[in-house]
Amino acid sequence: MELYHVLNRGVEKRDIFMDDRDRFRFVHGLLLFNTPKPANNTTYLLESDNDFVNRYSNSGRIVDIHTWCIMKNHYHLLLSERIEGGLTLFLRKLNIGYANYFNEKYRRSGSLFQGRTKKILVNSDAYFMHILNYVHFNPLDYLTGARNWRQRSLGKPPRAHEYLMKYRWSSYRDYCGQKNFPSLLTTELFGEKPEKFKKHIFDYSGLNHEKMPVQLLLE
């Protein structure tokens, strides 16, 4: 299995997620377009979580989504192919589908994304263990006192963890045992259980999850 770190941002670094409806529409697209079938309705927006969870199954997917995060002006994904060419097909439908939705909603035209989506092969164990944290920690850019997380400086690690657990638009919650969008993810990587990566997340951030208060872990 080959893993790819996939990312794209808005043209001219503009915001492409203006509210939670936009973010939910993109997350919905991660399932809607994960099929070899043509996308017939690229502006469709589900109204409830139950619809989102129940609409799709694991069968027929063309990629596995292992990690994801939505920021204001970009997104990160960690993907592997299920079928040959699945990665390219999925990303094309995902980007076009979301751009069509966004342009229709905000009455704009033209390109929404800044060029072609970057696809970076995760080609070493060190990169593999780092990329999960990199994707999940991106929302700390919005948390005062934790913006130096790329230098492993989180300010107050428990506060950083609490913030990430409350940030709905990533797979961090699911990796830490709190269901968010579990039907979206394939959390087992190379036969390893999510618990391994949960421990790595805490080790990286200077947190000891075994000694932290239960109420903090579950918030």
N, C-alpha and C. Protein backbone atom coordinates (compact mmCIF):
# COMPACT_ATOMS: atom_id res chain seq x y z
N MET A 1 0.83 -1.19 0.00
CA MET A 1 0.00 0.00 0.00
C MET A 1 0.87 1.25 0.00
N GLU A 2 0.60 2.18 -0.93
CA GLU A 2 1.30 3.45 -0.97
C GLU A 2 0.40 4.54 -0.40
N LEU A 3 0.96 5.34 0.50
CA LEU A 3 0.23 6.44 1.12
C LEU A 3 0.66 7.76 0.49
N TYR A 4 -0.30 8.66 0.31
CA TYR A 4 -0.02 9.96 -0.24
C TYR A 4 -0.58 11.06 0.66
N HIS A 5 0.26 12.03 0.93
CA HIS A 5 -0.19 13.26 1.59
C HIS A 5 -0.68 14.19 0.48
N VAL A 6 -1.95 14.54 0.55
CA VAL A 6 -2.60 15.30 -0.51
C VAL A 6 -3.05 16.65 0.06
N LEU A 7 -2.78 17.73 -0.65
CA LEU A 7 -3.20 19.04 -0.17
C LEU A 7 -3.45 19.99 -1.33
N ASN A 8 -4.38 20.90 -1.09
CA ASN A 8 -4.65 21.97 -2.05
C ASN A 8 -5.21 23.15 -1.27
N ARG A 9 -5.07 24.35 -1.86
CA ARG A 9 -5.55 25.56 -1.20
C ARG A 9 -6.30 26.43 -2.19
N GLY A 10 -6.97 27.44 -1.67
CA GLY A 10 -7.71 28.35 -2.52
C GLY A 10 -6.79 29.19 -3.40
N VAL A 11 -7.29 29.55 -4.57
CA VAL A 11 -6.53 30.39 -5.48
C VAL A 11 -6.19 31.70 -4.78
N GLU A 12 -4.97 32.16 -4.97
CA GLU A 12 -4.46 33.37 -4.30
C GLU A 12 -4.59 33.27 -2.78
N LYS A 13 -4.58 32.04 -2.29
CA LYS A 13 -4.67 31.75 -0.85
C LYS A 13 -5.96 32.27 -0.21
N ARG A 14 -6.99 32.41 -1.01
CA ARG A 14 -8.27 32.89 -0.53
C ARG A 14 -8.95 31.82 0.32
N ASP A 15 -9.86 32.23 1.21
CA ASP A 15 -10.63 31.28 1.99
C ASP A 15 -11.59 30.55 1.07
N ILE A 16 -11.69 29.23 1.25
CA ILE A 16 -12.60 28.43 0.45
C ILE A 16 -13.66 27.74 1.30
N PHE A 17 -13.56 27.89 2.62
CA PHE A 17 -14.58 27.38 3.54
C PHE A 17 -15.03 28.57 4.39
N MET A 18 -16.22 29.09 4.06
CA MET A 18 -16.69 30.31 4.68
C MET A 18 -17.51 30.06 5.94
N ASP A 19 -18.11 28.89 6.05
CA ASP A 19 -18.91 28.57 7.22
C ASP A 19 -18.98 27.06 7.37
N ASP A 20 -19.69 26.60 8.40
CA ASP A 20 -19.76 25.16 8.67
C ASP A 20 -20.53 24.41 7.60
N ARG A 21 -21.45 25.05 6.94
CA ARG A 21 -22.15 24.39 5.84
C ARG A 21 -21.18 24.06 4.71
N ASP A 22 -20.26 24.96 4.43
CA ASP A 22 -19.25 24.68 3.41
C ASP A 22 -18.36 23.52 3.85
N ARG A 23 -17.95 23.55 5.10
CA ARG A 23 -17.07 22.48 5.59
C ARG A 23 -17.80 21.14 5.57
N PHE A 24 -19.06 21.14 5.98
CA PHE A 24 -19.82 19.89 5.95
C PHE A 24 -20.01 19.41 4.52
N ARG A 25 -20.20 20.34 3.59
CA ARG A 25 -20.35 19.95 2.18
C ARG A 25 -19.07 19.28 1.68
N PHE A 26 -17.91 19.78 2.05
CA PHE A 26 -16.66 19.17 1.61
C PHE A 26 -16.50 17.78 2.22
N VAL A 27 -16.79 17.65 3.51
CA VAL A 27 -16.70 16.34 4.16
C VAL A 27 -17.65 15.36 3.51
N HIS A 28 -18.86 15.82 3.22
CA HIS A 28 -19.80 14.97 2.50
C HIS A 28 -19.22 14.51 1.16
N GLY A 29 -18.51 15.44 0.48
CA GLY A 29 -17.91 15.09 -0.80
C GLY A 29 -16.84 14.02 -0.69
N LEU A 30 -16.19 13.92 0.47
CA LEU A 30 -15.19 12.87 0.65
C LEU A 30 -15.81 11.48 0.51
N LEU A 31 -17.10 11.36 0.81
CA LEU A 31 -17.81 10.11 0.58
C LEU A 31 -18.52 10.10 -0.76
N LEU A 32 -19.17 11.20 -1.08
CA LEU A 32 -19.95 11.27 -2.31
C LEU A 32 -19.13 10.93 -3.54
N PHE A 33 -17.88 11.37 -3.57
CA PHE A 33 -17.05 11.20 -4.77
C PHE A 33 -16.10 10.01 -4.67
N ASN A 34 -16.20 9.24 -3.60
CA ASN A 34 -15.30 8.09 -3.42
C ASN A 34 -15.92 6.84 -4.03
N THR A 35 -16.12 6.91 -5.33
CA THR A 35 -16.75 5.84 -6.09
C THR A 35 -16.34 5.97 -7.54
N PRO A 36 -16.27 4.86 -8.28
CA PRO A 36 -15.94 4.98 -9.71
C PRO A 36 -17.08 5.54 -10.55
N LYS A 37 -18.28 5.63 -9.97
CA LYS A 37 -19.44 6.12 -10.72
C LYS A 37 -19.33 7.63 -10.93
N PRO A 38 -19.92 8.13 -12.03
CA PRO A 38 -19.93 9.58 -12.26
C PRO A 38 -20.68 10.31 -11.15
N ALA A 39 -20.25 11.51 -10.85
CA ALA A 39 -20.93 12.33 -9.85
C ALA A 39 -22.06 13.08 -10.55
N ASN A 40 -23.30 12.77 -10.20
CA ASN A 40 -24.45 13.36 -10.90
C ASN A 40 -24.92 14.66 -10.28
N ASN A 41 -24.58 14.89 -9.00
CA ASN A 41 -25.06 16.09 -8.34
C ASN A 41 -23.93 16.67 -7.50
N THR A 42 -23.21 17.60 -8.06
CA THR A 42 -22.01 18.11 -7.39
C THR A 42 -22.32 19.26 -6.44
N THR A 43 -23.58 19.69 -6.37
CA THR A 43 -23.91 20.77 -5.45
C THR A 43 -24.77 20.29 -4.31
N TYR A 44 -24.98 19.01 -4.20
CA TYR A 44 -25.85 18.45 -3.17
C TYR A 44 -25.29 18.68 -1.78
N LEU A 45 -26.16 19.05 -0.85
CA LEU A 45 -25.75 19.29 0.53
C LEU A 45 -26.66 18.52 1.47
N LEU A 46 -26.11 17.57 2.21
CA LEU A 46 -26.89 16.85 3.20
C LEU A 46 -27.21 17.76 4.37
N GLU A 47 -28.35 17.53 4.99
CA GLU A 47 -28.79 18.40 6.07
C GLU A 47 -28.56 17.80 7.45
N SER A 48 -28.30 16.50 7.55
CA SER A 48 -28.16 15.89 8.87
C SER A 48 -27.01 14.90 8.89
N ASP A 49 -26.45 14.70 10.08
CA ASP A 49 -25.37 13.74 10.24
C ASP A 49 -25.84 12.33 9.95
N ASN A 50 -27.10 12.01 10.32
CA ASN A 50 -27.61 10.66 10.10
C ASN A 50 -27.63 10.33 8.61
N ASP A 51 -28.05 11.29 7.79
CA ASP A 51 -28.03 11.08 6.35
C ASP A 51 -26.61 10.81 5.88
N PHE A 52 -25.67 11.60 6.40
CA PHE A 52 -24.27 11.47 6.00
C PHE A 52 -23.73 10.09 6.33
N VAL A 53 -23.99 9.61 7.54
CA VAL A 53 -23.44 8.34 8.00
C VAL A 53 -24.07 7.17 7.27
N ASN A 54 -25.37 7.25 7.00
CA ASN A 54 -26.10 6.10 6.48
C ASN A 54 -26.11 5.99 4.96
N ARG A 55 -25.70 7.04 4.29
CA ARG A 55 -25.86 7.07 2.83
C ARG A 55 -24.88 6.16 2.10
N TYR A 56 -23.71 5.92 2.69
CA TYR A 56 -22.66 5.19 1.98
C TYR A 56 -22.12 4.04 2.81
N SER A 57 -21.56 3.07 2.14
CA SER A 57 -20.90 1.95 2.80
C SER A 57 -19.46 1.91 2.34
N ASN A 58 -18.69 0.97 2.89
CA ASN A 58 -17.28 0.85 2.51
C ASN A 58 -17.09 0.22 1.14
N SER A 59 -18.13 -0.45 0.64
CA SER A 59 -17.99 -1.15 -0.63
C SER A 59 -17.93 -0.15 -1.78
N GLY A 60 -17.10 -0.48 -2.76
CA GLY A 60 -17.04 0.31 -3.98
C GLY A 60 -16.21 1.57 -3.89
N ARG A 61 -15.50 1.79 -2.80
CA ARG A 61 -14.67 2.98 -2.70
C ARG A 61 -13.42 2.84 -3.56
N ILE A 62 -12.93 3.95 -4.04
CA ILE A 62 -11.75 3.93 -4.91
C ILE A 62 -10.49 4.35 -4.18
N VAL A 63 -10.63 4.98 -3.01
CA VAL A 63 -9.49 5.30 -2.16
C VAL A 63 -9.87 5.03 -0.72
N ASP A 64 -8.87 4.86 0.13
CA ASP A 64 -9.06 4.86 1.57
C ASP A 64 -8.58 6.20 2.11
N ILE A 65 -9.39 6.80 2.98
CA ILE A 65 -9.05 8.06 3.62
C ILE A 65 -8.58 7.74 5.03
N HIS A 66 -7.32 8.01 5.31
CA HIS A 66 -6.73 7.65 6.60
C HIS A 66 -6.68 8.84 7.56
N THR A 67 -6.56 10.03 7.04
CA THR A 67 -6.48 11.24 7.86
C THR A 67 -6.97 12.41 7.02
N TRP A 68 -7.62 13.37 7.66
CA TRP A 68 -8.07 14.55 6.93
C TRP A 68 -8.15 15.75 7.87
N CYS A 69 -8.09 16.94 7.28
CA CYS A 69 -8.25 18.17 8.05
C CYS A 69 -8.63 19.29 7.09
N ILE A 70 -9.62 20.09 7.49
CA ILE A 70 -10.05 21.25 6.73
C ILE A 70 -9.66 22.51 7.49
N MET A 71 -8.96 23.40 6.79
CA MET A 71 -8.64 24.72 7.32
C MET A 71 -9.45 25.77 6.55
N LYS A 72 -9.24 27.05 6.84
CA LYS A 72 -10.04 28.07 6.18
C LYS A 72 -9.77 28.14 4.69
N ASN A 73 -8.51 28.00 4.31
CA ASN A 73 -8.18 28.20 2.89
C ASN A 73 -7.49 27.00 2.25
N HIS A 74 -7.47 25.85 2.94
CA HIS A 74 -6.86 24.66 2.35
C HIS A 74 -7.33 23.40 3.07
N TYR A 75 -6.96 22.27 2.49
CA TYR A 75 -7.27 20.98 3.11
C TYR A 75 -6.06 20.05 3.01
N HIS A 76 -6.03 19.08 3.92
CA HIS A 76 -5.02 18.02 3.93
C HIS A 76 -5.74 16.67 3.97
N LEU A 77 -5.22 15.71 3.21
CA LEU A 77 -5.72 14.33 3.24
C LEU A 77 -4.55 13.37 3.24
N LEU A 78 -4.73 12.21 3.85
CA LEU A 78 -3.78 11.10 3.73
C LEU A 78 -4.55 9.96 3.10
N LEU A 79 -4.15 9.58 1.88
CA LEU A 79 -4.94 8.66 1.07
C LEU A 79 -4.10 7.49 0.57
N SER A 80 -4.78 6.38 0.30
CA SER A 80 -4.19 5.27 -0.43
C SER A 80 -5.21 4.78 -1.44
N GLU A 81 -4.73 4.24 -2.55
CA GLU A 81 -5.63 3.79 -3.62
C GLU A 81 -6.20 2.41 -3.32
N ARG A 82 -7.44 2.22 -3.70
CA ARG A 82 -8.04 0.88 -3.70
C ARG A 82 -8.03 0.29 -5.10
N ILE A 83 -8.13 1.16 -6.11
CA ILE A 83 -8.08 0.71 -7.50
C ILE A 83 -7.06 1.56 -8.24
N GLU A 84 -6.52 1.04 -9.31
CA GLU A 84 -5.55 1.79 -10.09
C GLU A 84 -6.19 3.05 -10.65
N GLY A 85 -5.53 4.17 -10.45
CA GLY A 85 -6.06 5.45 -10.92
C GLY A 85 -7.10 6.05 -10.00
N GLY A 86 -7.35 5.40 -8.88
CA GLY A 86 -8.40 5.87 -7.98
C GLY A 86 -8.09 7.23 -7.37
N LEU A 87 -6.83 7.46 -7.08
CA LEU A 87 -6.44 8.72 -6.43
C LEU A 87 -6.72 9.91 -7.35
N THR A 88 -6.31 9.81 -8.60
CA THR A 88 -6.52 10.90 -9.55
C THR A 88 -8.01 11.14 -9.79
N LEU A 89 -8.76 10.06 -9.96
CA LEU A 89 -10.19 10.18 -10.20
C LEU A 89 -10.90 10.81 -9.02
N PHE A 90 -10.58 10.36 -7.83
CA PHE A 90 -11.21 10.88 -6.62
C PHE A 90 -10.94 12.37 -6.45
N LEU A 91 -9.69 12.77 -6.59
CA LEU A 91 -9.34 14.18 -6.38
C LEU A 91 -9.97 15.08 -7.43
N ARG A 92 -10.04 14.61 -8.66
CA ARG A 92 -10.67 15.41 -9.71
C ARG A 92 -12.14 15.65 -9.38
N LYS A 93 -12.84 14.59 -8.98
CA LYS A 93 -14.26 14.75 -8.66
C LYS A 93 -14.46 15.58 -7.41
N LEU A 94 -13.61 15.38 -6.42
CA LEU A 94 -13.72 16.13 -5.16
C LEU A 94 -13.54 17.62 -5.40
N ASN A 95 -12.49 18.00 -6.12
CA ASN A 95 -12.21 19.42 -6.35
C ASN A 95 -13.24 20.08 -7.25
N ILE A 96 -13.61 19.40 -8.34
CA ILE A 96 -14.60 19.97 -9.25
C ILE A 96 -15.95 20.07 -8.55
N GLY A 97 -16.30 19.02 -7.81
CA GLY A 97 -17.59 19.02 -7.12
C GLY A 97 -17.70 20.14 -6.12
N TYR A 98 -16.64 20.32 -5.32
CA TYR A 98 -16.71 21.38 -4.31
C TYR A 98 -16.66 22.75 -4.97
N ALA A 99 -15.84 22.91 -6.00
CA ALA A 99 -15.76 24.20 -6.70
C ALA A 99 -17.11 24.57 -7.31
N ASN A 100 -17.80 23.60 -7.90
CA ASN A 100 -19.13 23.87 -8.47
C ASN A 100 -20.11 24.31 -7.38
N TYR A 101 -20.08 23.60 -6.27
CA TYR A 101 -20.95 23.97 -5.14
C TYR A 101 -20.63 25.39 -4.66
N PHE A 102 -19.35 25.67 -4.45
CA PHE A 102 -18.93 26.97 -3.90
C PHE A 102 -19.28 28.10 -4.86
N ASN A 103 -19.00 27.91 -6.14
CA ASN A 103 -19.27 28.96 -7.11
C ASN A 103 -20.76 29.24 -7.24
N GLU A 104 -21.56 28.20 -7.17
CA GLU A 104 -23.01 28.40 -7.25
C GLU A 104 -23.52 29.11 -6.00
N LYS A 105 -23.06 28.70 -4.84
CA LYS A 105 -23.53 29.30 -3.59
C LYS A 105 -23.15 30.77 -3.49
N TYR A 106 -21.92 31.10 -3.88
CA TYR A 106 -21.43 32.46 -3.71
C TYR A 106 -21.45 33.28 -5.01
N ARG A 107 -22.09 32.73 -6.04
CA ARG A 107 -22.30 33.43 -7.30
C ARG A 107 -21.00 33.99 -7.87
N ARG A 108 -20.04 33.09 -7.96
CA ARG A 108 -18.76 33.45 -8.55
C ARG A 108 -18.46 32.48 -9.69
N SER A 109 -17.40 32.75 -10.44
CA SER A 109 -16.98 31.87 -11.52
C SER A 109 -15.47 31.78 -11.53
N GLY A 110 -14.94 30.83 -12.27
CA GLY A 110 -13.50 30.67 -12.38
C GLY A 110 -12.96 29.64 -11.43
N SER A 111 -11.64 29.50 -11.44
CA SER A 111 -10.97 28.49 -10.63
C SER A 111 -11.10 28.83 -9.15
N LEU A 112 -11.30 27.80 -8.34
CA LEU A 112 -11.36 27.98 -6.90
C LEU A 112 -10.04 27.55 -6.25
N PHE A 113 -9.42 26.51 -6.78
CA PHE A 113 -8.20 25.97 -6.19
C PHE A 113 -6.96 26.49 -6.91
N GLN A 114 -5.87 26.53 -6.17
CA GLN A 114 -4.61 27.06 -6.66
C GLN A 114 -3.82 25.96 -7.36
N GLY A 115 -4.09 25.77 -8.63
CA GLY A 115 -3.33 24.80 -9.40
C GLY A 115 -3.72 23.36 -9.10
N ARG A 116 -2.86 22.44 -9.51
CA ARG A 116 -3.10 21.02 -9.35
C ARG A 116 -2.89 20.63 -7.89
N THR A 117 -3.65 19.64 -7.46
CA THR A 117 -3.52 19.15 -6.10
C THR A 117 -2.15 18.49 -5.91
N LYS A 118 -1.47 18.84 -4.82
CA LYS A 118 -0.17 18.23 -4.53
C LYS A 118 -0.38 16.83 -3.96
N LYS A 119 0.39 15.88 -4.46
CA LYS A 119 0.34 14.49 -3.99
C LYS A 119 1.77 14.08 -3.64
N ILE A 120 2.04 13.91 -2.36
CA ILE A 120 3.39 13.63 -1.89
C ILE A 120 3.43 12.20 -1.34
N LEU A 121 4.24 11.36 -1.92
CA LEU A 121 4.35 9.98 -1.47
C LEU A 121 4.99 9.92 -0.09
N VAL A 122 4.36 9.21 0.82
CA VAL A 122 4.91 9.00 2.16
C VAL A 122 5.89 7.83 2.05
N ASN A 123 7.17 8.14 1.91
CA ASN A 123 8.14 7.13 1.50
C ASN A 123 9.14 6.74 2.57
N SER A 124 8.84 7.08 3.84
CA SER A 124 9.72 6.65 4.92
C SER A 124 8.91 6.52 6.20
N ASP A 125 9.42 5.71 7.13
CA ASP A 125 8.73 5.55 8.41
C ASP A 125 8.68 6.87 9.17
N ALA A 126 9.75 7.64 9.10
CA ALA A 126 9.79 8.91 9.83
C ALA A 126 8.72 9.87 9.29
N TYR A 127 8.61 9.93 7.98
CA TYR A 127 7.59 10.78 7.36
C TYR A 127 6.20 10.29 7.74
N PHE A 128 6.02 8.98 7.71
CA PHE A 128 4.72 8.39 8.02
C PHE A 128 4.28 8.75 9.43
N MET A 129 5.16 8.63 10.41
CA MET A 129 4.79 8.93 11.79
C MET A 129 4.61 10.43 12.01
N HIS A 130 5.29 11.23 11.20
CA HIS A 130 5.17 12.68 11.35
C HIS A 130 3.89 13.22 10.72
N ILE A 131 3.50 12.65 9.57
CA ILE A 131 2.43 13.28 8.79
C ILE A 131 1.09 13.23 9.49
N LEU A 132 0.83 12.19 10.27
CA LEU A 132 -0.44 12.13 11.02
C LEU A 132 -0.56 13.32 11.95
N ASN A 133 0.52 13.62 12.65
CA ASN A 133 0.51 14.75 13.56
C ASN A 133 0.42 16.07 12.80
N TYR A 134 1.18 16.18 11.73
CA TYR A 134 1.18 17.42 10.96
C TYR A 134 -0.22 17.78 10.48
N VAL A 135 -0.92 16.80 9.93
CA VAL A 135 -2.28 17.05 9.45
C VAL A 135 -3.20 17.40 10.61
N HIS A 136 -3.15 16.62 11.68
CA HIS A 136 -4.07 16.82 12.80
C HIS A 136 -3.80 18.10 13.58
N PHE A 137 -2.55 18.56 13.60
CA PHE A 137 -2.22 19.73 14.42
C PHE A 137 -2.43 21.06 13.69
N ASN A 138 -2.77 21.02 12.41
CA ASN A 138 -2.96 22.27 11.66
C ASN A 138 -3.91 23.26 12.32
N PRO A 139 -5.04 22.81 12.91
CA PRO A 139 -5.95 23.78 13.53
C PRO A 139 -5.34 24.56 14.68
N LEU A 140 -4.20 24.12 15.21
CA LEU A 140 -3.56 24.88 16.27
C LEU A 140 -3.06 26.24 15.78
N ASP A 141 -3.04 26.44 14.47
CA ASP A 141 -2.73 27.77 13.94
C ASP A 141 -3.74 28.80 14.42
N TYR A 142 -4.93 28.34 14.80
CA TYR A 142 -5.99 29.25 15.24
C TYR A 142 -6.02 29.44 16.75
N LEU A 143 -5.15 28.73 17.46
CA LEU A 143 -5.17 28.78 18.92
C LEU A 143 -4.02 29.64 19.43
N THR A 144 -4.33 30.73 20.08
CA THR A 144 -3.30 31.61 20.63
C THR A 144 -2.43 30.85 21.63
N GLY A 145 -1.12 30.98 21.46
CA GLY A 145 -0.19 30.31 22.34
C GLY A 145 0.26 28.95 21.86
N ALA A 146 -0.34 28.46 20.76
CA ALA A 146 0.03 27.13 20.24
C ALA A 146 0.47 27.19 18.79
N ARG A 147 0.69 28.39 18.29
CA ARG A 147 0.97 28.54 16.86
C ARG A 147 2.38 28.11 16.47
N ASN A 148 3.22 27.81 17.45
CA ASN A 148 4.56 27.31 17.15
C ASN A 148 4.61 25.79 17.24
N TRP A 149 3.49 25.15 17.00
CA TRP A 149 3.43 23.69 17.12
C TRP A 149 4.37 23.00 16.15
N ARG A 150 4.70 23.61 15.04
CA ARG A 150 5.62 22.99 14.09
C ARG A 150 7.02 22.84 14.66
N GLN A 151 7.33 23.63 15.68
CA GLN A 151 8.59 23.50 16.41
C GLN A 151 8.39 22.74 17.72
N ARG A 152 7.27 22.01 17.80
CA ARG A 152 6.92 21.22 18.99
C ARG A 152 6.78 22.10 20.23
N SER A 153 6.33 23.30 20.03
CA SER A 153 6.06 24.20 21.14
C SER A 153 4.58 24.50 21.16
N LEU A 154 3.85 23.84 22.06
CA LEU A 154 2.40 23.95 22.11
C LEU A 154 1.91 24.91 23.19
N GLY A 155 2.82 25.52 23.92
CA GLY A 155 2.37 26.36 25.01
C GLY A 155 1.90 25.51 26.17
N LYS A 156 0.61 25.26 26.21
CA LYS A 156 0.01 24.39 27.22
C LYS A 156 -0.58 23.17 26.49
N PRO A 157 0.15 22.05 26.48
CA PRO A 157 -0.31 20.87 25.71
C PRO A 157 -1.73 20.41 26.05
N PRO A 158 -2.15 20.34 27.33
CA PRO A 158 -3.52 19.92 27.59
C PRO A 158 -4.55 20.84 26.94
N ARG A 159 -4.27 22.13 26.92
CA ARG A 159 -5.17 23.09 26.28
C ARG A 159 -5.21 22.86 24.77
N ALA A 160 -4.05 22.55 24.19
CA ALA A 160 -3.99 22.27 22.76
C ALA A 160 -4.81 21.04 22.42
N HIS A 161 -4.67 19.99 23.23
CA HIS A 161 -5.44 18.77 23.01
C HIS A 161 -6.94 19.05 23.14
N GLU A 162 -7.32 19.80 24.14
CA GLU A 162 -8.72 20.14 24.34
C GLU A 162 -9.28 20.87 23.13
N TYR A 163 -8.49 21.79 22.60
CA TYR A 163 -8.92 22.54 21.42
C TYR A 163 -9.11 21.61 20.22
N LEU A 164 -8.17 20.71 20.00
CA LEU A 164 -8.27 19.79 18.86
C LEU A 164 -9.46 18.85 19.00
N MET A 165 -9.80 18.47 20.23
CA MET A 165 -10.95 17.60 20.45
C MET A 165 -12.27 18.33 20.17
N LYS A 166 -12.24 19.64 20.26
CA LYS A 166 -13.44 20.43 19.99
C LYS A 166 -13.51 20.91 18.55
N TYR A 167 -12.42 20.74 17.82
CA TYR A 167 -12.38 21.15 16.41
C TYR A 167 -12.95 20.01 15.57
N ARG A 168 -14.11 20.20 15.03
CA ARG A 168 -14.82 19.09 14.38
C ARG A 168 -14.25 18.70 13.03
N TRP A 169 -13.53 19.60 12.38
CA TRP A 169 -13.25 19.41 10.96
C TRP A 169 -11.90 18.75 10.71
N SER A 170 -11.66 17.65 11.41
CA SER A 170 -10.49 16.81 11.16
C SER A 170 -10.77 15.43 11.72
N SER A 171 -9.84 14.51 11.50
CA SER A 171 -10.01 13.14 12.00
C SER A 171 -9.36 12.94 13.37
N TYR A 172 -8.91 14.02 14.00
CA TYR A 172 -8.24 13.91 15.30
C TYR A 172 -9.14 13.24 16.33
N ARG A 173 -10.39 13.67 16.41
CA ARG A 173 -11.33 13.08 17.37
C ARG A 173 -11.45 11.58 17.19
N ASP A 174 -11.61 11.16 15.95
CA ASP A 174 -11.79 9.73 15.68
C ASP A 174 -10.56 8.93 16.10
N TYR A 175 -9.36 9.49 15.89
CA TYR A 175 -8.15 8.79 16.30
C TYR A 175 -8.00 8.75 17.81
N CYS A 176 -8.63 9.69 18.50
CA CYS A 176 -8.56 9.73 19.96
C CYS A 176 -9.75 9.05 20.62
N GLY A 177 -10.57 8.35 19.85
CA GLY A 177 -11.62 7.53 20.42
C GLY A 177 -12.97 8.18 20.55
N GLN A 178 -13.13 9.42 20.07
CA GLN A 178 -14.43 10.09 20.11
C GLN A 178 -14.97 10.17 18.70
N LYS A 179 -16.10 9.51 18.45
CA LYS A 179 -16.64 9.43 17.10
C LYS A 179 -17.03 10.80 16.59
N ASN A 180 -16.58 11.09 15.37
CA ASN A 180 -16.89 12.35 14.71
C ASN A 180 -17.50 12.04 13.34
N PHE A 181 -16.67 11.60 12.40
CA PHE A 181 -17.14 11.07 11.11
C PHE A 181 -16.48 9.70 10.90
N PRO A 182 -16.80 8.72 11.73
CA PRO A 182 -16.08 7.44 11.67
C PRO A 182 -16.29 6.67 10.37
N SER A 183 -17.44 6.85 9.71
CA SER A 183 -17.69 6.11 8.47
C SER A 183 -16.81 6.59 7.33
N LEU A 184 -16.19 7.74 7.51
CA LEU A 184 -15.33 8.31 6.49
C LEU A 184 -13.97 7.65 6.42
N LEU A 185 -13.49 7.14 7.55
CA LEU A 185 -12.08 6.81 7.73
C LEU A 185 -11.76 5.33 7.63
N THR A 186 -10.56 5.06 7.18
CA THR A 186 -9.89 3.78 7.39
C THR A 186 -8.73 4.09 8.33
N THR A 187 -8.90 3.79 9.61
CA THR A 187 -7.92 4.21 10.61
C THR A 187 -6.79 3.21 10.80
N GLU A 188 -6.98 1.96 10.37
CA GLU A 188 -5.90 0.99 10.49
C GLU A 188 -4.91 1.19 9.35
N LEU A 189 -3.64 1.32 9.70
CA LEU A 189 -2.59 1.52 8.71
C LEU A 189 -1.54 0.44 8.87
N PHE A 190 -1.29 -0.29 7.79
CA PHE A 190 -0.30 -1.37 7.80
C PHE A 190 -0.59 -2.36 8.94
N GLY A 191 -1.87 -2.60 9.19
CA GLY A 191 -2.25 -3.55 10.23
C GLY A 191 -2.18 -3.02 11.64
N GLU A 192 -1.80 -1.76 11.82
CA GLU A 192 -1.69 -1.18 13.15
C GLU A 192 -3.03 -0.58 13.56
N LYS A 193 -3.38 -0.72 14.83
CA LYS A 193 -4.62 -0.21 15.36
C LYS A 193 -4.50 1.30 15.63
N PRO A 194 -5.64 2.01 15.64
CA PRO A 194 -5.60 3.46 15.92
C PRO A 194 -4.95 3.81 17.24
N GLU A 195 -5.02 2.90 18.22
CA GLU A 195 -4.45 3.20 19.53
C GLU A 195 -2.96 3.53 19.45
N LYS A 196 -2.26 2.91 18.52
CA LYS A 196 -0.84 3.20 18.36
C LYS A 196 -0.62 4.66 17.98
N PHE A 197 -1.46 5.15 17.07
CA PHE A 197 -1.28 6.50 16.59
C PHE A 197 -1.80 7.51 17.60
N LYS A 198 -2.79 7.12 18.38
CA LYS A 198 -3.24 7.98 19.48
C LYS A 198 -2.09 8.21 20.44
N LYS A 199 -1.37 7.15 20.78
CA LYS A 199 -0.23 7.28 21.69
C LYS A 199 0.84 8.18 21.07
N HIS A 200 1.07 8.01 19.77
CA HIS A 200 2.08 8.82 19.10
C HIS A 200 1.68 10.29 19.11
N ILE A 201 0.39 10.58 18.92
CA ILE A 201 -0.08 11.95 18.95
C ILE A 201 0.23 12.58 20.30
N PHE A 202 -0.03 11.85 21.37
CA PHE A 202 0.23 12.39 22.70
C PHE A 202 1.73 12.52 22.96
N ASP A 203 2.50 11.52 22.54
CA ASP A 203 3.95 11.59 22.74
C ASP A 203 4.54 12.80 22.02
N TYR A 204 4.09 13.02 20.81
CA TYR A 204 4.61 14.13 20.00
C TYR A 204 4.34 15.47 20.68
N SER A 205 3.15 15.59 21.24
CA SER A 205 2.73 16.88 21.79
C SER A 205 3.13 17.07 23.24
N GLY A 206 3.86 16.09 23.79
CA GLY A 206 4.29 16.22 25.18
C GLY A 206 3.22 15.84 26.17
N LEU A 207 2.16 15.19 25.70
CA LEU A 207 1.07 14.78 26.58
C LEU A 207 1.25 13.33 26.97
N ASN A 208 0.92 13.00 28.19
CA ASN A 208 0.88 11.61 28.64
C ASN A 208 -0.58 11.23 28.81
N HIS A 209 -1.15 10.55 27.79
CA HIS A 209 -2.58 10.30 27.80
C HIS A 209 -2.99 9.35 28.92
N GLU A 210 -2.05 8.55 29.43
CA GLU A 210 -2.40 7.62 30.49
C GLU A 210 -2.58 8.34 31.83
N LYS A 211 -1.98 9.53 31.98
CA LYS A 211 -2.05 10.25 33.23
C LYS A 211 -2.99 11.44 33.18
N MET A 212 -3.57 11.72 32.00
CA MET A 212 -4.44 12.87 31.89
C MET A 212 -5.81 12.58 32.48
N PRO A 213 -6.51 13.59 33.01
CA PRO A 213 -7.86 13.40 33.54
C PRO A 213 -8.80 12.85 32.48
N VAL A 214 -9.64 11.92 32.89
CA VAL A 214 -10.57 11.30 31.95
C VAL A 214 -11.46 12.34 31.30
N GLN A 215 -11.93 13.33 32.08
CA GLN A 215 -12.84 14.31 31.52
C GLN A 215 -12.19 15.13 30.41
N LEU A 216 -10.86 15.33 30.48
CA LEU A 216 -10.17 16.08 29.43
C LEU A 216 -10.07 15.24 28.16
N LEU A 217 -9.79 13.95 28.33
CA LEU A 217 -9.66 13.08 27.16
C LEU A 217 -10.98 12.93 26.42
N LEU A 218 -12.10 13.01 27.13
CA LEU A 218 -13.39 12.73 26.53
C LEU A 218 -14.14 13.98 26.07
N GLU A 219 -13.64 15.14 26.35
CA GLU A 219 -14.36 16.37 25.94
C GLU A 219 -14.38 16.50 24.44
